[in-house]
Protein backbone atom coordinates (compact mmCIF):
# COMPACT_ATOMS: atom_id res chain seq x y z
CA MET A 1 0.00 0.00 0.00
CA GLU A 2 2.88 2.33 0.78
CA ASN A 3 4.17 1.80 -2.78
CA ILE A 4 0.80 2.81 -4.30
CA ASP A 5 0.70 5.96 -2.16
CA PHE A 6 4.13 7.06 -3.44
CA GLU A 7 3.16 6.27 -7.04
CA THR A 8 -0.07 8.26 -6.73
CA LYS A 9 1.79 11.27 -5.32
CA TYR A 10 4.54 10.91 -7.94
CA PHE A 11 2.00 10.70 -10.76
CA GLU A 12 0.07 13.70 -9.43
CA ALA A 13 3.26 15.79 -9.29
CA LEU A 14 4.17 14.68 -12.83
CA ARG A 15 0.65 15.41 -14.13
CA TYR A 16 0.75 18.89 -12.61
CA SER A 17 4.19 19.57 -14.14
CA ILE A 18 3.14 18.39 -17.62
CA LEU A 19 -0.20 20.20 -17.68
CA ALA A 20 1.54 23.42 -16.61
CA LYS A 21 3.45 23.20 -19.92
CA ASP A 22 0.73 21.78 -22.20
CA ARG A 23 -2.91 22.11 -21.15
CA SER A 24 -4.15 20.46 -24.35
CA LEU A 25 -3.22 16.97 -23.11
CA GLY A 26 -5.75 14.66 -21.58
CA TYR A 27 -4.81 12.23 -18.83
CA ASP A 28 -6.13 9.32 -16.82
CA LEU A 29 -4.81 7.89 -13.56
CA LEU A 30 -5.66 4.21 -13.46
CA LYS A 31 -5.25 1.78 -10.59
CA ARG A 32 -5.33 -1.96 -11.21
CA LYS A 33 -4.79 -4.21 -8.21
CA ASP A 34 -1.37 -3.21 -6.89
CA LYS A 35 -0.27 -1.04 -9.86
CA CYS A 36 -0.84 2.54 -10.92
CA PHE A 37 -0.78 3.72 -14.54
CA LEU A 38 -0.68 7.28 -15.81
CA LYS A 39 -1.96 7.79 -19.34
CA PHE A 40 -1.48 10.96 -21.42
CA TYR A 41 -3.04 11.63 -24.81
CA LYS A 42 -4.10 14.33 -27.22
CA VAL A 43 -7.26 13.85 -29.23
CA ALA A 44 -7.43 14.89 -32.87
CA GLU A 45 -8.87 18.30 -33.62
CA THR A 46 -10.91 17.37 -36.67
CA GLN A 47 -14.42 18.01 -37.83
CA ASN A 48 -14.86 14.59 -39.44
CA SER A 49 -16.53 12.46 -36.81
CA VAL A 50 -17.90 13.12 -33.38
CA ILE A 51 -16.99 9.65 -32.12
CA THR A 52 -13.48 9.33 -33.53
CA ASP A 53 -12.60 12.80 -32.26
CA PHE A 54 -12.46 11.24 -28.79
CA VAL A 55 -10.13 8.41 -29.79
CA PRO A 56 -6.49 9.43 -29.46
CA GLN A 57 -4.22 8.38 -32.33
CA ILE A 58 -1.41 7.81 -29.85
CA PHE A 59 -1.07 7.78 -26.11
CA ILE A 60 1.61 7.45 -23.47
CA LEU A 61 1.43 5.00 -20.60
CA LEU A 62 3.70 5.36 -17.58
CA TYR A 63 3.98 2.67 -14.93
CA ARG A 64 6.40 1.24 -12.38
CA THR A 65 8.34 -1.83 -13.50
CA ASP A 66 10.25 -2.44 -10.28
CA HIS A 67 11.13 -0.58 -7.07
CA LYS A 68 13.47 1.90 -8.85
CA SER A 69 12.21 2.10 -12.45
CA TYR A 70 9.29 3.42 -14.41
CA LYS A 71 8.57 2.56 -18.02
CA ILE A 72 7.24 5.17 -20.40
CA SER A 73 5.60 3.65 -23.48
CA LEU A 74 4.32 5.48 -26.53
CA LEU A 75 1.52 3.42 -28.09
CA SER A 76 -0.65 3.76 -31.17
CA TYR A 77 -4.43 3.66 -30.92
CA ASN A 78 -4.31 -0.12 -31.52
CA GLU A 79 -1.78 -0.48 -28.67
CA GLU A 80 1.25 -1.12 -30.86
CA VAL A 81 4.40 0.05 -29.07
CA ILE A 82 6.07 2.86 -31.01
CA GLU A 83 8.76 3.80 -28.51
CA GLU A 84 9.71 2.89 -24.94
CA GLU A 85 12.15 4.19 -22.37
CA LEU A 86 13.04 3.25 -18.81
CA VAL A 87 13.37 6.01 -16.22
CA HIS A 88 15.16 5.28 -12.96
CA VAL A 89 13.74 6.87 -9.80
CA ASP A 90 14.99 6.42 -6.27
CA ASP A 91 11.96 7.00 -4.03
CA ASN A 92 14.21 7.87 -1.10
CA ASP A 93 16.19 10.54 -2.99
CA SER A 94 14.23 13.74 -3.58
CA SER A 95 16.68 14.97 -6.24
CA SER A 96 16.19 11.72 -8.19
CA VAL A 97 12.41 12.16 -7.99
CA ASN A 98 12.61 15.82 -9.07
CA ASP A 99 15.03 15.04 -11.92
CA SER A 100 12.75 12.30 -13.23
CA ILE A 101 9.70 14.57 -13.11
CA THR A 102 11.62 17.26 -15.01
CA LYS A 103 12.79 14.75 -17.63
CA LEU A 104 9.36 13.15 -18.08
CA SER A 105 7.55 16.50 -18.20
CA GLU A 106 9.74 17.34 -21.21
CA THR A 107 9.70 13.88 -22.84
CA ILE A 108 5.97 13.17 -22.72
CA PRO A 109 4.69 16.31 -24.54
CA ALA A 110 7.60 16.06 -27.02
CA TRP A 111 6.75 12.45 -27.90
CA ILE A 112 3.08 13.25 -28.30
CA ASP A 113 3.78 16.24 -30.55
CA LYS A 114 6.35 14.31 -32.58
CA PHE A 115 4.18 11.26 -33.24
CA ASN A 116 0.68 12.74 -33.22
CA ALA A 117 0.70 13.49 -36.96
CA SER A 118 -0.52 10.15 -38.26
CA CYS A 119 -1.36 9.30 -41.84
CA ARG A 120 -4.95 10.22 -42.66
CA GLY A 121 -5.00 8.35 -45.96
CA ILE A 122 -5.86 9.74 -49.37
CA THR A 123 -8.52 12.42 -49.23
CA ASP A 124 -8.25 13.66 -52.81
CA GLU A 125 -10.76 11.69 -54.90
CA THR A 126 -9.11 12.76 -58.14
CA VAL A 127 -5.99 10.70 -57.44
CA LEU A 128 -5.52 7.99 -60.07
CA PHE A 129 -3.96 4.70 -59.11
CA GLU A 130 -2.69 3.74 -62.55
CA ASN A 131 0.87 5.01 -62.04
CA PHE A 132 1.70 4.78 -58.37
CA ASP A 133 5.02 3.91 -56.76
CA ILE A 134 4.65 1.09 -54.21
CA ASN A 135 7.66 2.52 -52.32
CA LYS A 136 5.61 5.62 -51.52
CA VAL A 137 2.67 3.72 -50.06
CA LEU A 138 2.33 3.52 -46.27
CA ILE A 139 0.73 0.29 -45.05
CA GLU A 140 -0.42 0.29 -41.46
CA LYS A 141 0.26 -2.75 -39.32
CA PHE A 142 -2.69 -4.08 -37.34
CA GLY A 143 -2.06 -6.43 -34.46
CA LYS A 144 0.95 -8.72 -34.17
C-alpha cells in the first residue's frame, strides 16, 4: 500500500508539471490491483466524426516496472508500441524524484507532438492509381 501511495503522489506531481506546460493533453490515472498507470493523450482536432474525435491516435502510458524504475511507453491507438524508455527513480532521494519529473515533463509532450501526426490516408478523390510507386505507399500494421 505504501508503494501505491508514493506512485499516486509521484503521478500527481508529474501530471501537474506536464499540464503546466501543455494544457491540451488529456490524462487518466488508473489503478489496477497493486499497480498505478498514468496515461497521457491528445485527441485529434478534426471536424470529421464526433466519435473518432475522442479516440487518441497515440497515447503514453507510464507505470512502475520495479522498485526503482518506471517505463514510459508510446503506443498507437491499436496499442502497438512505437517507442519505450526506462526512467530510474529512487523514491528515497528527492533529487532523483525531481530530476525524473523534469525529464518526463519534457519527454511526454515532445513524444506526443512528434508522433501525433498520423497518416490520414488519401482524401483527394481525383488521385488515379494507374501510375503509383509502391515505395511511396504507407501500409499500417494491425495487431501482431
